[in-house]
Amino acid sequence: MLELRPSCECCDKDLPPSATDAMICSFECTFCADCVEHRLAGICPNCGGGFVPRPIRPAGKLANNPPSIIRIFKPAGCGPANAA
């Protein structure tokens, strides 16, 4: 099950479970669409993979399947990845 991380790793923008601008890579690294487009050029700085829109978990499923509360904020590494 997806972690549904609560924020963008680059700019720390809140990305609640209902966020339509949350983007994830295959390792669930989470960024806002603005950072993916303008700062990362569509490449995950952690793994070198691409991004897809993060699915929205239905509100009725959140009580038994809560989102993560752990914020990951790494602005220093917020640039295109060199390693894959």
C-alpha atoms as a PDB file:
ATOM      1  CA  MET A   1       0.000   0.000   0.000  1.00  0.00           C
ATOM      2  CA  LEU A   2       1.257   3.478  -0.830  1.00  0.00           C
ATOM      3  CA  GLU A   3       2.582   5.510   2.096  1.00  0.00           C
ATOM      4  CA  LEU A   4       0.916   8.733   0.947  1.00  0.00           C
ATOM      5  CA  ARG A   5       3.734  10.903   2.235  1.00  0.00           C
ATOM      6  CA  PRO A   6       2.499  14.255   3.563  1.00  0.00           C
ATOM      7  CA  SER A   7       4.763  16.730   1.770  1.00  0.00           C
ATOM      8  CA  CYS A   8       7.045  17.581  -1.146  1.00  0.00           C
ATOM      9  CA  GLU A   9      10.650  16.552  -0.543  1.00  0.00           C
ATOM     10  CA  CYS A  10      11.901  19.722  -2.307  1.00  0.00           C
ATOM     11  CA  CYS A  11       9.773  22.598  -1.069  1.00  0.00           C
ATOM     12  CA  ASP A  12       7.969  20.964   1.901  1.00  0.00           C
ATOM     13  CA  LYS A  13       4.550  21.880   0.456  1.00  0.00           C
ATOM     14  CA  ASP A  14       1.720  20.015   2.173  1.00  0.00           C
ATOM     15  CA  LEU A  15       0.385  17.176   0.025  1.00  0.00           C
ATOM     16  CA  PRO A  16      -2.642  15.734   1.829  1.00  0.00           C
ATOM     17  CA  PRO A  17      -4.193  12.458   0.617  1.00  0.00           C
ATOM     18  CA  SER A  18      -6.579  14.444  -1.604  1.00  0.00           C
ATOM     19  CA  ALA A  19      -3.816  16.469  -3.323  1.00  0.00           C
ATOM     20  CA  THR A  20      -4.135  16.371  -7.094  1.00  0.00           C
ATOM     21  CA  ASP A  21      -0.630  17.758  -7.619  1.00  0.00           C
ATOM     22  CA  ALA A  22       1.270  15.042  -5.718  1.00  0.00           C
ATOM     23  CA  MET A  23       3.725  13.096  -7.882  1.00  0.00           C
ATOM     24  CA  ILE A  24       5.577   9.871  -6.981  1.00  0.00           C
ATOM     25  CA  CYS A  25       8.340   7.734  -8.435  1.00  0.00           C
ATOM     26  CA  SER A  26       8.382   3.925  -8.271  1.00  0.00           C
ATOM     27  CA  PHE A  27      10.013   4.150  -4.802  1.00  0.00           C
ATOM     28  CA  GLU A  28       7.247   6.489  -3.551  1.00  0.00           C
ATOM     29  CA  CYS A  29       9.513   9.528  -3.348  1.00  0.00           C
ATOM     30  CA  THR A  30       6.952  12.333  -3.236  1.00  0.00           C
ATOM     31  CA  PHE A  31       7.122  15.780  -4.804  1.00  0.00           C
ATOM     32  CA  CYS A  32       4.653  18.451  -5.879  1.00  0.00           C
ATOM     33  CA  ALA A  33       3.983  18.807  -9.603  1.00  0.00           C
ATOM     34  CA  ASP A  34       5.595  22.277  -9.649  1.00  0.00           C
ATOM     35  CA  CYS A  35       8.941  20.967  -8.330  1.00  0.00           C
ATOM     36  CA  VAL A  36       8.803  17.936 -10.657  1.00  0.00           C
ATOM     37  CA  GLU A  37       8.331  20.207 -13.661  1.00  0.00           C
ATOM     38  CA  HIS A  38      10.466  23.234 -12.817  1.00  0.00           C
ATOM     39  CA  ARG A  39      13.222  21.982 -10.506  1.00  0.00           C
ATOM     40  CA  LEU A  40      13.610  18.277 -11.273  1.00  0.00           C
ATOM     41  CA  ALA A  41      12.924  18.153 -15.019  1.00  0.00           C
ATOM     42  CA  GLY A  42      10.770  15.064 -14.424  1.00  0.00           C
ATOM     43  CA  ILE A  43      13.613  12.994 -12.926  1.00  0.00           C
ATOM     44  CA  CYS A  44      13.634  11.779  -9.317  1.00  0.00           C
ATOM     45  CA  PRO A  45      16.763  13.101  -7.560  1.00  0.00           C
ATOM     46  CA  ASN A  46      16.843  10.015  -5.331  1.00  0.00           C
ATOM     47  CA  CYS A  47      16.608   7.160  -7.828  1.00  0.00           C
ATOM     48  CA  GLY A  48      16.785   8.682 -11.309  1.00  0.00           C
ATOM     49  CA  GLY A  49      13.340   7.387 -12.255  1.00  0.00           C
ATOM     50  CA  GLY A  50      10.329   9.213 -13.621  1.00  0.00           C
ATOM     51  CA  PHE A  51       7.135  10.364 -11.951  1.00  0.00           C
ATOM     52  CA  VAL A  52       3.437   9.600 -12.148  1.00  0.00           C
ATOM     53  CA  PRO A  53       0.505  11.306 -10.420  1.00  0.00           C
ATOM     54  CA  ARG A  54      -0.054   9.875  -6.948  1.00  0.00           C
ATOM     55  CA  PRO A  55      -3.470   8.212  -6.652  1.00  0.00           C
ATOM     56  CA  ILE A  56      -6.007   9.743  -4.303  1.00  0.00           C
ATOM     57  CA  ARG A  57      -7.066   7.410  -1.510  1.00  0.00           C
ATOM     58  CA  PRO A  58     -10.837   7.582  -0.974  1.00  0.00           C
ATOM     59  CA  ALA A  59     -11.704   9.508   2.191  1.00  0.00           C
ATOM     60  CA  GLY A  60     -13.663   6.555   3.549  1.00  0.00           C
ATOM     61  CA  LYS A  61     -10.523   4.389   3.482  1.00  0.00           C
ATOM     62  CA  LEU A  62      -8.272   6.805   5.392  1.00  0.00           C
ATOM     63  CA  ALA A  63      -9.380   5.768   8.890  1.00  0.00           C
ATOM     64  CA  ASN A  64      -8.200   2.181   8.461  1.00  0.00           C
ATOM     65  CA  ASN A  65      -5.414   3.068   6.006  1.00  0.00           C
ATOM     66  CA  PRO A  66      -3.983   6.377   7.221  1.00  0.00           C
ATOM     67  CA  PRO A  67      -1.405   8.390   5.302  1.00  0.00           C
ATOM     68  CA  SER A  68       2.152   8.682   6.559  1.00  0.00           C
ATOM     69  CA  ILE A  69       2.902  11.498   9.011  1.00  0.00           C
ATOM     70  CA  ILE A  70       6.671  11.392   8.391  1.00  0.00           C
ATOM     71  CA  ARG A  71       7.850  14.415   6.434  1.00  0.00           C
ATOM     72  CA  ILE A  72      10.907  13.992   4.219  1.00  0.00           C
ATOM     73  CA  PHE A  73      12.506  17.335   3.363  1.00  0.00           C
ATOM     74  CA  LYS A  74      15.780  17.339   1.422  1.00  0.00           C
ATOM     75  CA  PRO A  75      16.086  20.713  -0.338  1.00  0.00           C
ATOM     76  CA  ALA A  76      19.862  20.358  -0.795  1.00  0.00           C
ATOM     77  CA  GLY A  77      19.325  17.347  -3.064  1.00  0.00           C
ATOM     78  CA  CYS A  78      16.528  18.937  -5.019  1.00  0.00           C
ATOM     79  CA  GLY A  79      17.943  18.682  -8.493  1.00  0.00           C
ATOM     80  CA  PRO A  80      18.048  16.091 -11.266  1.00  0.00           C
ATOM     81  CA  ALA A  81      19.626  12.802 -10.222  1.00  0.00           C
ATOM     82  CA  ASN A  82      23.003  11.698 -11.502  1.00  0.00           C
ATOM     83  CA  ALA A  83      22.707   8.168 -10.155  1.00  0.00           C
ATOM     84  CA  ALA A  84      20.132   5.596 -11.096  1.00  0.00           C
END
